[in-house]
Amino acid sequence: MIQTKNADQLRKAELAQIHIAKVQLALADDAYRAILVQVTGKTSSKDLTWQGRKALLDHFKKIGFKVKAKASGRPAPIVAKDRQALIGKIEAQLAEAGKPWIYADAMAKRICKIDRIDWCEPEYLTKIIAALSYNAKRHGRSEG
């Protein structure tokens, strides 16, 4: 159980890093997908094995991706099973926008009047996802 949890956390972190690389390298969605297919043979990063994620990140590093330290040092929230998918979606959206978890906490405080995103109920998380999607559209990014 513990090993699966660590593997899942690593997978999420690597997927977030892939999306950060996409933004940092200023890859349009079609260019990103072409690289994804060329390097891994897959059409979606969520379908990648650990080897595929490593190969893709190695390729991004070769073409200029620089790994940066976390801005807040705050790890992703650990939430109940009914909220994990929603938190995963928010994590992808934050990665796409290049925003730290404290940004999501600020959104939770502003939108839901709750201090941390960890404590939000699913209906509030859905509101935060909608706000992040709106922000992505407004700034010309993928909705995550």
N, C-alpha and C. Protein backbone atom coordinates (compact mmCIF):
# COMPACT_ATOMS: atom_id res chain seq x y z
N MET A 1 0.83 -1.20 0.00
CA MET A 1 0.00 0.00 0.00
C MET A 1 0.87 1.26 0.00
N ILE A 2 1.87 1.31 0.87
CA ILE A 2 2.73 2.48 0.95
C ILE A 2 3.49 2.67 -0.35
N GLN A 3 4.00 1.56 -0.91
CA GLN A 3 4.75 1.65 -2.16
C GLN A 3 3.86 2.17 -3.29
N THR A 4 2.60 1.73 -3.35
CA THR A 4 1.67 2.20 -4.37
C THR A 4 1.42 3.69 -4.20
N LYS A 5 1.26 4.14 -2.97
CA LYS A 5 1.02 5.56 -2.70
C LYS A 5 2.22 6.39 -3.18
N ASN A 6 3.44 5.93 -2.87
CA ASN A 6 4.63 6.65 -3.31
C ASN A 6 4.75 6.65 -4.82
N ALA A 7 4.44 5.54 -5.46
CA ALA A 7 4.49 5.45 -6.93
C ALA A 7 3.46 6.39 -7.54
N ASP A 8 2.28 6.48 -6.94
CA ASP A 8 1.23 7.37 -7.44
C ASP A 8 1.64 8.83 -7.27
N GLN A 9 2.25 9.15 -6.13
CA GLN A 9 2.72 10.52 -5.92
C GLN A 9 3.82 10.88 -6.90
N LEU A 10 4.73 9.93 -7.16
CA LEU A 10 5.81 10.16 -8.12
C LEU A 10 5.23 10.36 -9.52
N ARG A 11 4.24 9.54 -9.89
CA ARG A 11 3.60 9.67 -11.20
C ARG A 11 2.98 11.06 -11.35
N LYS A 12 2.26 11.49 -10.33
CA LYS A 12 1.62 12.81 -10.38
C LYS A 12 2.67 13.93 -10.49
N ALA A 13 3.75 13.79 -9.74
CA ALA A 13 4.81 14.81 -9.78
C ALA A 13 5.46 14.84 -11.16
N GLU A 14 5.70 13.68 -11.76
CA GLU A 14 6.30 13.64 -13.09
C GLU A 14 5.36 14.20 -14.15
N LEU A 15 4.07 13.90 -14.04
CA LEU A 15 3.10 14.45 -14.99
C LEU A 15 3.03 15.97 -14.85
N ALA A 16 3.07 16.46 -13.62
CA ALA A 16 3.08 17.90 -13.41
C ALA A 16 4.33 18.52 -14.02
N GLN A 17 5.47 17.84 -13.85
CA GLN A 17 6.71 18.35 -14.41
C GLN A 17 6.66 18.37 -15.94
N ILE A 18 6.03 17.37 -16.53
CA ILE A 18 5.87 17.34 -17.99
C ILE A 18 5.07 18.56 -18.45
N HIS A 19 4.00 18.88 -17.74
CA HIS A 19 3.18 20.03 -18.13
C HIS A 19 3.90 21.36 -17.87
N ILE A 20 4.70 21.39 -16.83
CA ILE A 20 5.52 22.58 -16.58
C ILE A 20 6.52 22.75 -17.72
N ALA A 21 7.12 21.65 -18.16
CA ALA A 21 8.08 21.72 -19.28
C ALA A 21 7.40 22.22 -20.54
N LYS A 22 6.18 21.76 -20.80
CA LYS A 22 5.42 22.20 -21.97
C LYS A 22 5.25 23.72 -21.95
N VAL A 23 4.89 24.24 -20.79
CA VAL A 23 4.69 25.69 -20.66
C VAL A 23 6.02 26.43 -20.78
N GLN A 24 7.04 25.94 -20.06
CA GLN A 24 8.35 26.60 -20.08
C GLN A 24 8.95 26.63 -21.48
N LEU A 25 8.76 25.55 -22.24
CA LEU A 25 9.30 25.49 -23.60
C LEU A 25 8.38 26.17 -24.61
N ALA A 26 7.25 26.70 -24.15
CA ALA A 26 6.27 27.40 -24.99
C ALA A 26 5.82 26.54 -26.16
N LEU A 27 5.52 25.27 -25.86
CA LEU A 27 5.07 24.36 -26.90
C LEU A 27 3.56 24.49 -27.11
N ALA A 28 3.17 24.69 -28.35
CA ALA A 28 1.75 24.67 -28.69
C ALA A 28 1.27 23.23 -28.48
N ASP A 29 -0.02 23.07 -28.29
CA ASP A 29 -0.56 21.74 -28.01
C ASP A 29 -0.21 20.74 -29.11
N ASP A 30 -0.31 21.15 -30.38
CA ASP A 30 0.00 20.21 -31.46
C ASP A 30 1.49 19.85 -31.49
N ALA A 31 2.37 20.79 -31.18
CA ALA A 31 3.81 20.50 -31.13
C ALA A 31 4.12 19.57 -29.96
N TYR A 32 3.49 19.83 -28.83
CA TYR A 32 3.66 18.97 -27.65
C TYR A 32 3.22 17.55 -27.97
N ARG A 33 2.05 17.41 -28.57
CA ARG A 33 1.54 16.07 -28.90
C ARG A 33 2.43 15.35 -29.91
N ALA A 34 2.98 16.10 -30.86
CA ALA A 34 3.89 15.49 -31.84
C ALA A 34 5.14 14.96 -31.15
N ILE A 35 5.69 15.72 -30.22
CA ILE A 35 6.86 15.26 -29.46
C ILE A 35 6.49 14.05 -28.61
N LEU A 36 5.33 14.11 -27.98
CA LEU A 36 4.87 13.02 -27.14
C LEU A 36 4.79 11.71 -27.94
N VAL A 37 4.20 11.77 -29.12
CA VAL A 37 4.07 10.58 -29.97
C VAL A 37 5.46 10.12 -30.45
N GLN A 38 6.28 11.09 -30.86
CA GLN A 38 7.61 10.76 -31.38
C GLN A 38 8.48 10.07 -30.32
N VAL A 39 8.46 10.59 -29.10
CA VAL A 39 9.34 10.08 -28.05
C VAL A 39 8.78 8.83 -27.39
N THR A 40 7.45 8.78 -27.18
CA THR A 40 6.87 7.69 -26.38
C THR A 40 5.92 6.77 -27.15
N GLY A 41 5.41 7.24 -28.28
CA GLY A 41 4.42 6.45 -29.00
C GLY A 41 3.02 6.59 -28.44
N LYS A 42 2.85 7.42 -27.43
CA LYS A 42 1.53 7.63 -26.80
C LYS A 42 0.99 8.99 -27.19
N THR A 43 -0.34 9.14 -27.12
CA THR A 43 -0.97 10.41 -27.48
C THR A 43 -1.35 11.24 -26.26
N SER A 44 -1.22 10.66 -25.06
CA SER A 44 -1.56 11.38 -23.84
C SER A 44 -0.53 11.04 -22.76
N SER A 45 -0.11 12.03 -22.02
CA SER A 45 0.88 11.80 -20.96
C SER A 45 0.33 10.91 -19.85
N LYS A 46 -0.99 10.92 -19.66
CA LYS A 46 -1.56 10.09 -18.60
C LYS A 46 -1.40 8.60 -18.88
N ASP A 47 -1.15 8.23 -20.15
CA ASP A 47 -0.98 6.83 -20.52
C ASP A 47 0.47 6.35 -20.42
N LEU A 48 1.38 7.23 -20.02
CA LEU A 48 2.80 6.89 -20.00
C LEU A 48 3.17 6.02 -18.80
N THR A 49 4.08 5.09 -19.04
CA THR A 49 4.70 4.34 -17.96
C THR A 49 5.79 5.21 -17.36
N TRP A 50 6.43 4.75 -16.30
CA TRP A 50 7.51 5.54 -15.72
C TRP A 50 8.64 5.71 -16.72
N GLN A 51 8.88 4.69 -17.56
CA GLN A 51 9.93 4.80 -18.57
C GLN A 51 9.58 5.87 -19.60
N GLY A 52 8.32 5.93 -19.99
CA GLY A 52 7.87 6.93 -20.95
C GLY A 52 7.97 8.33 -20.39
N ARG A 53 7.57 8.49 -19.12
CA ARG A 53 7.67 9.81 -18.48
C ARG A 53 9.13 10.25 -18.40
N LYS A 54 10.01 9.31 -18.04
CA LYS A 54 11.44 9.64 -17.94
C LYS A 54 11.99 10.01 -19.31
N ALA A 55 11.65 9.24 -20.33
CA ALA A 55 12.15 9.53 -21.68
C ALA A 55 11.67 10.91 -22.15
N LEU A 56 10.40 11.22 -21.89
CA LEU A 56 9.85 12.51 -22.31
C LEU A 56 10.53 13.66 -21.56
N LEU A 57 10.69 13.51 -20.25
CA LEU A 57 11.36 14.56 -19.47
C LEU A 57 12.82 14.72 -19.90
N ASP A 58 13.50 13.61 -20.18
CA ASP A 58 14.89 13.68 -20.68
C ASP A 58 14.94 14.43 -22.01
N HIS A 59 13.98 14.16 -22.89
CA HIS A 59 13.92 14.87 -24.18
C HIS A 59 13.69 16.36 -23.96
N PHE A 60 12.76 16.71 -23.08
CA PHE A 60 12.50 18.12 -22.80
C PHE A 60 13.74 18.81 -22.24
N LYS A 61 14.50 18.11 -21.40
CA LYS A 61 15.74 18.69 -20.86
C LYS A 61 16.76 18.92 -21.98
N LYS A 62 16.82 18.00 -22.94
CA LYS A 62 17.74 18.16 -24.07
C LYS A 62 17.40 19.39 -24.92
N ILE A 63 16.11 19.73 -24.98
CA ILE A 63 15.72 20.86 -25.82
C ILE A 63 15.53 22.15 -25.03
N GLY A 64 15.98 22.14 -23.75
CA GLY A 64 16.02 23.40 -23.01
C GLY A 64 15.21 23.51 -21.74
N PHE A 65 14.49 22.48 -21.35
CA PHE A 65 13.71 22.55 -20.11
C PHE A 65 14.65 22.59 -18.91
N LYS A 66 14.42 23.53 -18.01
CA LYS A 66 15.19 23.66 -16.78
C LYS A 66 14.26 23.39 -15.60
N VAL A 67 14.63 22.42 -14.79
CA VAL A 67 13.85 22.09 -13.60
C VAL A 67 14.10 23.18 -12.57
N LYS A 68 13.03 23.74 -12.05
CA LYS A 68 13.13 24.80 -11.04
C LYS A 68 12.65 24.26 -9.70
N ALA A 69 13.16 24.83 -8.64
CA ALA A 69 12.71 24.45 -7.30
C ALA A 69 11.28 24.92 -7.11
N LYS A 70 10.55 24.23 -6.26
CA LYS A 70 9.17 24.63 -5.97
C LYS A 70 9.16 26.01 -5.34
N ALA A 71 8.21 26.81 -5.76
CA ALA A 71 8.11 28.17 -5.25
C ALA A 71 7.70 28.20 -3.78
N SER A 72 6.82 27.30 -3.39
CA SER A 72 6.31 27.36 -2.02
C SER A 72 6.87 26.27 -1.13
N GLY A 73 7.39 25.21 -1.73
CA GLY A 73 7.87 24.10 -0.94
C GLY A 73 6.73 23.27 -0.35
N ARG A 74 5.52 23.65 -0.62
CA ARG A 74 4.36 22.95 -0.09
C ARG A 74 4.03 21.78 -0.98
N PRO A 75 3.93 20.58 -0.40
CA PRO A 75 3.58 19.41 -1.21
C PRO A 75 2.10 19.42 -1.59
N ALA A 76 1.77 18.58 -2.53
CA ALA A 76 0.37 18.44 -2.93
C ALA A 76 -0.45 17.95 -1.74
N PRO A 77 -1.69 18.41 -1.64
CA PRO A 77 -2.54 17.99 -0.52
C PRO A 77 -2.83 16.49 -0.56
N ILE A 78 -2.92 15.90 0.60
CA ILE A 78 -3.35 14.50 0.71
C ILE A 78 -4.79 14.55 1.18
N VAL A 79 -5.68 14.05 0.34
CA VAL A 79 -7.12 14.17 0.61
C VAL A 79 -7.80 12.81 0.55
N ALA A 80 -9.05 12.78 0.97
CA ALA A 80 -9.85 11.57 0.92
C ALA A 80 -10.05 11.12 -0.52
N LYS A 81 -10.37 9.85 -0.67
CA LYS A 81 -10.52 9.23 -1.99
C LYS A 81 -11.52 9.97 -2.88
N ASP A 82 -12.61 10.47 -2.30
CA ASP A 82 -13.63 11.14 -3.10
C ASP A 82 -13.15 12.47 -3.68
N ARG A 83 -12.01 12.97 -3.20
CA ARG A 83 -11.48 14.25 -3.68
C ARG A 83 -10.20 14.10 -4.50
N GLN A 84 -9.63 12.90 -4.57
CA GLN A 84 -8.33 12.72 -5.22
C GLN A 84 -8.34 13.11 -6.69
N ALA A 85 -9.37 12.72 -7.42
CA ALA A 85 -9.44 13.04 -8.85
C ALA A 85 -9.53 14.56 -9.05
N LEU A 86 -10.31 15.22 -8.20
CA LEU A 86 -10.46 16.67 -8.31
C LEU A 86 -9.14 17.38 -7.99
N ILE A 87 -8.45 16.93 -6.95
CA ILE A 87 -7.16 17.51 -6.60
C ILE A 87 -6.15 17.25 -7.72
N GLY A 88 -6.21 16.06 -8.34
CA GLY A 88 -5.32 15.77 -9.47
C GLY A 88 -5.56 16.71 -10.63
N LYS A 89 -6.81 17.01 -10.91
CA LYS A 89 -7.16 17.95 -11.97
C LYS A 89 -6.62 19.35 -11.64
N ILE A 90 -6.79 19.78 -10.40
CA ILE A 90 -6.27 21.08 -9.97
C ILE A 90 -4.75 21.10 -10.07
N GLU A 91 -4.10 20.01 -9.69
CA GLU A 91 -2.65 19.93 -9.79
C GLU A 91 -2.18 20.11 -11.23
N ALA A 92 -2.87 19.46 -12.17
CA ALA A 92 -2.52 19.60 -13.59
C ALA A 92 -2.74 21.03 -14.07
N GLN A 93 -3.83 21.64 -13.64
CA GLN A 93 -4.10 23.02 -14.04
C GLN A 93 -3.06 23.98 -13.46
N LEU A 94 -2.67 23.75 -12.22
CA LEU A 94 -1.64 24.59 -11.61
C LEU A 94 -0.30 24.43 -12.34
N ALA A 95 0.02 23.20 -12.70
CA ALA A 95 1.26 22.94 -13.43
C ALA A 95 1.24 23.65 -14.78
N GLU A 96 0.11 23.56 -15.46
CA GLU A 96 -0.03 24.21 -16.76
C GLU A 96 0.15 25.72 -16.65
N ALA A 97 -0.35 26.29 -15.54
CA ALA A 97 -0.25 27.73 -15.32
C ALA A 97 1.06 28.14 -14.67
N GLY A 98 1.84 27.15 -14.20
CA GLY A 98 3.09 27.46 -13.52
C GLY A 98 2.87 28.08 -12.15
N LYS A 99 1.79 27.67 -11.49
CA LYS A 99 1.42 28.23 -10.18
C LYS A 99 1.67 27.20 -9.08
N PRO A 100 2.06 27.65 -7.87
CA PRO A 100 2.27 26.74 -6.75
C PRO A 100 0.95 26.43 -6.02
N TRP A 101 1.03 25.49 -5.08
CA TRP A 101 -0.16 25.12 -4.32
C TRP A 101 -0.70 26.28 -3.50
N ILE A 102 0.15 27.19 -3.08
CA ILE A 102 -0.36 28.32 -2.29
C ILE A 102 -1.32 29.18 -3.11
N TYR A 103 -1.17 29.15 -4.44
CA TYR A 103 -2.11 29.84 -5.32
C TYR A 103 -3.50 29.21 -5.18
N ALA A 104 -3.53 27.87 -5.14
CA ALA A 104 -4.81 27.16 -4.98
C ALA A 104 -5.40 27.45 -3.60
N ASP A 105 -4.53 27.54 -2.59
CA ASP A 105 -5.02 27.89 -1.25
C ASP A 105 -5.67 29.27 -1.25
N ALA A 106 -5.04 30.20 -1.94
CA ALA A 106 -5.60 31.56 -2.03
C ALA A 106 -6.94 31.55 -2.74
N MET A 107 -7.06 30.71 -3.78
CA MET A 107 -8.34 30.60 -4.48
C MET A 107 -9.41 30.02 -3.55
N ALA A 108 -9.04 29.00 -2.78
CA ALA A 108 -9.99 28.40 -1.84
C ALA A 108 -10.47 29.43 -0.83
N LYS A 109 -9.55 30.26 -0.38
CA LYS A 109 -9.92 31.30 0.60
C LYS A 109 -10.85 32.33 -0.04
N ARG A 110 -10.53 32.74 -1.27
CA ARG A 110 -11.33 33.77 -1.94
C ARG A 110 -12.69 33.23 -2.40
N ILE A 111 -12.71 32.06 -3.01
CA ILE A 111 -13.94 31.53 -3.59
C ILE A 111 -14.83 30.85 -2.55
N CYS A 112 -14.19 30.08 -1.65
CA CYS A 112 -14.95 29.21 -0.75
C CYS A 112 -14.92 29.65 0.72
N LYS A 113 -14.09 30.66 1.01
CA LYS A 113 -13.92 31.14 2.40
C LYS A 113 -13.33 30.03 3.29
N ILE A 114 -12.44 29.20 2.69
CA ILE A 114 -11.76 28.12 3.40
C ILE A 114 -10.26 28.34 3.23
N ASP A 115 -9.50 28.23 4.32
CA ASP A 115 -8.09 28.61 4.30
C ASP A 115 -7.19 27.75 3.41
N ARG A 116 -7.45 26.48 3.30
CA ARG A 116 -6.59 25.60 2.50
C ARG A 116 -7.44 24.72 1.58
N ILE A 117 -6.89 24.45 0.42
CA ILE A 117 -7.60 23.62 -0.55
C ILE A 117 -7.82 22.21 -0.02
N ASP A 118 -6.94 21.77 0.86
CA ASP A 118 -7.05 20.43 1.46
C ASP A 118 -8.39 20.22 2.16
N TRP A 119 -8.95 21.28 2.68
CA TRP A 119 -10.16 21.20 3.50
C TRP A 119 -11.44 21.43 2.71
N CYS A 120 -11.34 21.65 1.42
CA CYS A 120 -12.52 21.92 0.59
C CYS A 120 -13.30 20.65 0.29
N GLU A 121 -14.61 20.78 0.30
CA GLU A 121 -15.50 19.70 -0.10
C GLU A 121 -15.48 19.60 -1.64
N PRO A 122 -15.90 18.46 -2.20
CA PRO A 122 -15.87 18.28 -3.67
C PRO A 122 -16.57 19.40 -4.45
N GLU A 123 -17.69 19.91 -3.96
CA GLU A 123 -18.38 20.97 -4.71
C GLU A 123 -17.55 22.25 -4.79
N TYR A 124 -16.77 22.52 -3.74
CA TYR A 124 -15.88 23.68 -3.78
C TYR A 124 -14.70 23.45 -4.71
N LEU A 125 -14.17 22.22 -4.70
CA LEU A 125 -13.07 21.89 -5.61
C LEU A 125 -13.51 22.05 -7.06
N THR A 126 -14.75 21.69 -7.35
CA THR A 126 -15.30 21.86 -8.69
C THR A 126 -15.34 23.34 -9.08
N LYS A 127 -15.67 24.20 -8.14
CA LYS A 127 -15.67 25.65 -8.41
C LYS A 127 -14.27 26.15 -8.70
N ILE A 128 -13.29 25.64 -7.97
CA ILE A 128 -11.89 26.04 -8.19
C ILE A 128 -11.40 25.56 -9.55
N ILE A 129 -11.78 24.34 -9.93
CA ILE A 129 -11.44 23.82 -11.26
C ILE A 129 -12.02 24.71 -12.35
N ALA A 130 -13.27 25.12 -12.17
CA ALA A 130 -13.91 26.01 -13.15
C ALA A 130 -13.18 27.34 -13.24
N ALA A 131 -12.78 27.88 -12.10
CA ALA A 131 -12.06 29.16 -12.09
C ALA A 131 -10.70 29.02 -12.77
N LEU A 132 -10.01 27.91 -12.53
CA LEU A 132 -8.72 27.68 -13.18
C LEU A 132 -8.89 27.47 -14.68
N SER A 133 -9.96 26.82 -15.09
CA SER A 133 -10.25 26.62 -16.52
C SER A 133 -10.52 27.97 -17.19
N TYR A 134 -11.29 28.81 -16.52
CA TYR A 134 -11.58 30.14 -17.05
C TYR A 134 -10.28 30.94 -17.20
N ASN A 135 -9.42 30.86 -16.18
CA ASN A 135 -8.14 31.55 -16.22
C ASN A 135 -7.28 31.03 -17.37
N ALA A 136 -7.29 29.73 -17.60
CA ALA A 136 -6.50 29.14 -18.69
C ALA A 136 -7.00 29.64 -20.04
N LYS A 137 -8.32 29.67 -20.23
CA LYS A 137 -8.89 30.17 -21.49
C LYS A 137 -8.51 31.63 -21.70
N ARG A 138 -8.61 32.41 -20.64
CA ARG A 138 -8.32 33.83 -20.71
C ARG A 138 -6.86 34.09 -21.11
N HIS A 139 -5.96 33.21 -20.67
CA HIS A 139 -4.54 33.38 -20.95
C HIS A 139 -4.06 32.50 -22.11
N GLY A 140 -4.98 31.86 -22.82
CA GLY A 140 -4.63 31.09 -24.00
C GLY A 140 -3.90 29.78 -23.71
N ARG A 141 -4.14 29.19 -22.53
CA ARG A 141 -3.52 27.91 -22.19
C ARG A 141 -4.54 26.81 -22.34
N SER A 142 -4.01 25.58 -22.35
CA SER A 142 -4.86 24.40 -22.31
C SER A 142 -5.56 24.40 -20.96
N GLU A 143 -6.75 23.84 -20.89
CA GLU A 143 -7.51 23.84 -19.65
C GLU A 143 -7.05 22.75 -18.67
N GLY A 144 -6.01 22.01 -19.03
CA GLY A 144 -5.45 21.02 -18.09
C GLY A 144 -6.13 19.76 -18.12
